[in-house]
Protein backbone atom coordinates (compact mmCIF):
# COMPACT_ATOMS: atom_id res chain seq x y z
CA UNK A 1 10.50 -43.76 57.23
CA UNK A 2 9.32 -43.22 53.72
CA UNK A 3 5.74 -42.48 52.75
CA UNK A 4 4.77 -45.36 50.48
CA UNK A 5 1.63 -43.73 48.90
CA UNK A 6 3.75 -40.76 47.83
CA UNK A 7 6.42 -42.97 46.26
CA UNK A 8 3.79 -44.79 44.36
CA UNK A 9 2.27 -41.70 42.81
CA UNK A 10 4.74 -41.44 40.01
CA UNK A 11 4.26 -45.01 39.05
CA UNK A 12 0.52 -44.64 38.94
CA UNK A 13 0.69 -41.52 36.74
CA UNK A 14 2.93 -43.30 34.22
CA UNK A 15 0.60 -46.23 34.08
CA UNK A 16 -2.43 -43.89 33.52
CA UNK A 17 -0.51 -42.09 30.67
CA UNK A 18 0.47 -45.43 28.97
CA UNK A 19 -3.13 -46.52 29.11
CA UNK A 20 -4.29 -43.42 27.40
CA UNK A 21 -1.87 -44.03 24.60
CA UNK A 22 -3.58 -47.21 23.56
CA UNK A 23 -6.90 -45.57 22.75
CA UNK A 24 -7.75 -44.89 19.06
CA UNK A 25 -9.66 -41.81 17.94
CA UNK A 26 -12.90 -42.18 16.07
CA UNK A 27 -12.02 -41.94 12.37
CA UNK A 28 -15.40 -40.67 11.42
CA UNK A 29 -14.96 -37.61 13.88
CA UNK A 30 -11.74 -36.62 12.20
CA UNK A 31 -12.98 -36.71 8.55
CA UNK A 32 -13.27 -33.59 6.45
CA UNK A 33 -17.05 -34.08 6.14
CA UNK A 34 -17.45 -34.30 9.92
CA UNK A 35 -15.43 -31.17 10.37
CA UNK A 36 -17.46 -29.31 7.72
CA UNK A 37 -20.77 -30.35 9.30
CA UNK A 38 -19.62 -29.16 12.77
CA UNK A 39 -18.56 -25.75 11.55
CA UNK A 40 -21.55 -25.26 9.28
CA UNK A 41 -23.98 -26.43 11.78
CA UNK A 42 -25.68 -23.08 12.18
CA UNK A 43 -25.40 -22.02 8.49
CA UNK A 44 -28.79 -22.01 6.74
CA UNK A 45 -27.32 -23.04 3.46
CA UNK A 46 -23.64 -24.11 3.21
CA UNK A 47 -23.58 -23.99 -0.51
CA UNK A 48 -24.61 -20.36 -0.80
CA UNK A 49 -21.79 -17.99 -1.71
CA UNK A 50 -21.81 -14.80 0.29
CA UNK A 51 -22.47 -11.66 -1.76
CA UNK A 52 -20.09 -8.83 -1.56
CA UNK A 53 -21.08 -5.65 0.23
CA UNK A 54 -22.12 -2.75 -1.99
CA UNK A 55 -19.30 -0.30 -2.62
CA UNK A 56 -19.64 3.38 -3.73
CA UNK A 57 -17.56 4.60 -6.62
CA UNK A 58 -15.17 7.28 -5.52
CA UNK A 59 -15.87 10.74 -6.69
CA UNK A 60 -13.00 12.95 -7.78
CA UNK A 61 -13.62 16.58 -8.14
CA UNK A 62 -12.81 18.41 -11.33
CA UNK A 63 -9.39 20.05 -11.24
CA UNK A 64 -9.53 23.75 -10.45
CA UNK A 65 -8.77 26.07 -13.42
CA UNK A 66 -5.06 26.13 -14.20
CA UNK A 67 -4.20 22.98 -12.46
CA UNK A 68 -3.37 19.50 -13.88
CA UNK A 69 -5.86 16.53 -13.42
CA UNK A 70 -5.26 14.37 -10.31
CA UNK A 71 -5.56 14.50 -6.55
CA UNK A 72 -4.75 17.99 -5.06
CA UNK A 73 -1.42 18.41 -3.50
CA UNK A 74 -0.23 21.85 -2.41
CA UNK A 75 2.66 23.17 -4.46
CA UNK A 76 2.51 20.46 -7.12
CA UNK A 77 1.09 20.50 -10.61
CA UNK A 78 -2.34 19.87 -9.26
CA UNK A 79 -2.29 23.22 -7.38
CA UNK A 80 -3.46 26.20 -9.41
CA UNK A 81 -1.10 28.33 -7.45
CA UNK A 82 1.83 26.34 -8.83
CA UNK A 83 1.72 28.58 -11.93
CA UNK A 84 4.35 30.58 -9.97
CA UNK A 85 7.01 28.02 -10.94
CA UNK A 86 5.23 26.32 -13.96
CA UNK A 87 4.46 23.10 -12.27
CA UNK A 88 0.92 23.23 -13.73
CA UNK A 89 2.44 23.15 -17.27
CA UNK A 90 4.23 19.91 -16.64
CA UNK A 91 1.35 17.40 -16.93
CA UNK A 92 2.45 16.29 -20.43
CA UNK A 93 5.88 15.44 -19.21
CA UNK A 94 4.91 13.22 -16.27
CA UNK A 95 5.84 9.61 -16.95
CA UNK A 96 8.46 10.51 -19.65
CA UNK A 97 12.14 9.84 -19.37
CA UNK A 98 14.20 12.98 -18.35
CA UNK A 99 16.55 12.68 -21.34
CA UNK A 100 18.04 15.67 -23.16
CA UNK A 101 15.15 16.02 -25.63
CA UNK A 102 12.54 16.09 -22.77
CA UNK A 103 14.57 18.48 -20.82
CA UNK A 104 14.83 20.79 -23.82
CA UNK A 105 11.08 20.64 -24.38
CA UNK A 106 10.51 21.43 -20.68
CA UNK A 107 12.69 24.50 -20.88
CA UNK A 108 10.93 25.50 -24.09
CA UNK A 109 7.43 25.15 -22.35
CA UNK A 110 8.58 27.15 -19.31
CA UNK A 111 10.38 29.66 -21.38
CA UNK A 112 13.40 29.50 -19.05
CA UNK A 113 16.17 27.35 -17.70
CA UNK A 114 16.91 29.17 -14.47
CA UNK A 115 15.05 28.00 -11.21
CA UNK A 116 14.65 24.54 -12.86
CA UNK A 117 16.01 21.38 -11.27
CA UNK A 118 15.70 17.66 -11.83
CA UNK A 119 15.79 15.77 -8.45
CA UNK A 120 17.19 12.29 -8.91
CA UNK A 121 15.79 9.27 -7.09
CA UNK A 122 17.35 8.85 -3.76
CA UNK A 123 18.98 12.25 -3.50
CA UNK A 124 19.65 13.71 -0.14
CA UNK A 125 17.30 16.26 1.24
CA UNK A 126 13.59 16.94 0.93
CA UNK A 127 11.75 19.14 -1.53
CA UNK A 128 9.11 20.94 0.40
CA UNK A 129 6.24 21.86 -1.99
CA UNK A 130 5.74 25.64 -1.82
CA UNK A 131 3.58 27.30 -4.42
CA UNK A 132 5.05 30.67 -3.69
CA UNK A 133 8.63 29.52 -4.69
CA UNK A 134 9.59 30.20 -8.37
CA UNK A 135 11.90 27.15 -8.48
CA UNK A 136 10.43 24.08 -10.32
CA UNK A 137 11.64 20.75 -9.04
CA UNK A 138 10.92 17.78 -11.27
CA UNK A 139 11.13 14.48 -9.19
CA UNK A 140 12.62 11.50 -10.88
CA UNK A 141 12.38 7.77 -10.17
CA UNK A 142 15.12 5.23 -10.23
CA UNK A 143 14.67 4.77 -14.01
CA UNK A 144 15.07 8.48 -14.61
CA UNK A 145 11.28 8.93 -15.29
CA UNK A 146 9.63 12.18 -14.36
CA UNK A 147 7.06 11.37 -11.57
CA UNK A 148 6.17 14.65 -10.02
CA UNK A 149 6.50 18.52 -10.56
CA UNK A 150 6.59 20.64 -7.59
CA UNK A 151 7.38 24.30 -6.73
CA UNK A 152 10.12 24.58 -4.22
């Protein structure tokens, strides 16, 4: 014996779903103005533009004597102790191409060519900034521009 009410259940569900397909949504309820009025219901004035929050201008400390201007990083030209390797003298060369003329000017500024290296972009290894190390490492970018000077 089959259970007739259970067999009729799928047919009743299909009829109910088809009946729901025939209903049309209210066009006024789906307009942009209707949507805007619903989301701005609690706003005091929908035309007012919010004011940005007040911000404080960052304060940068003056460089220590013997250091180049910029954010302090130990062992770099912004560290006064970097005079051990001469990194503090490299400020004028940051942003310049590391061509032969610039390299000669750097050697003249340092008064030496030993313990001086130019580290090309993407080279293996890591230069650990160390203000006690006498070797000067000039970091280059992909266009051969000097971007940083570090002891170490």
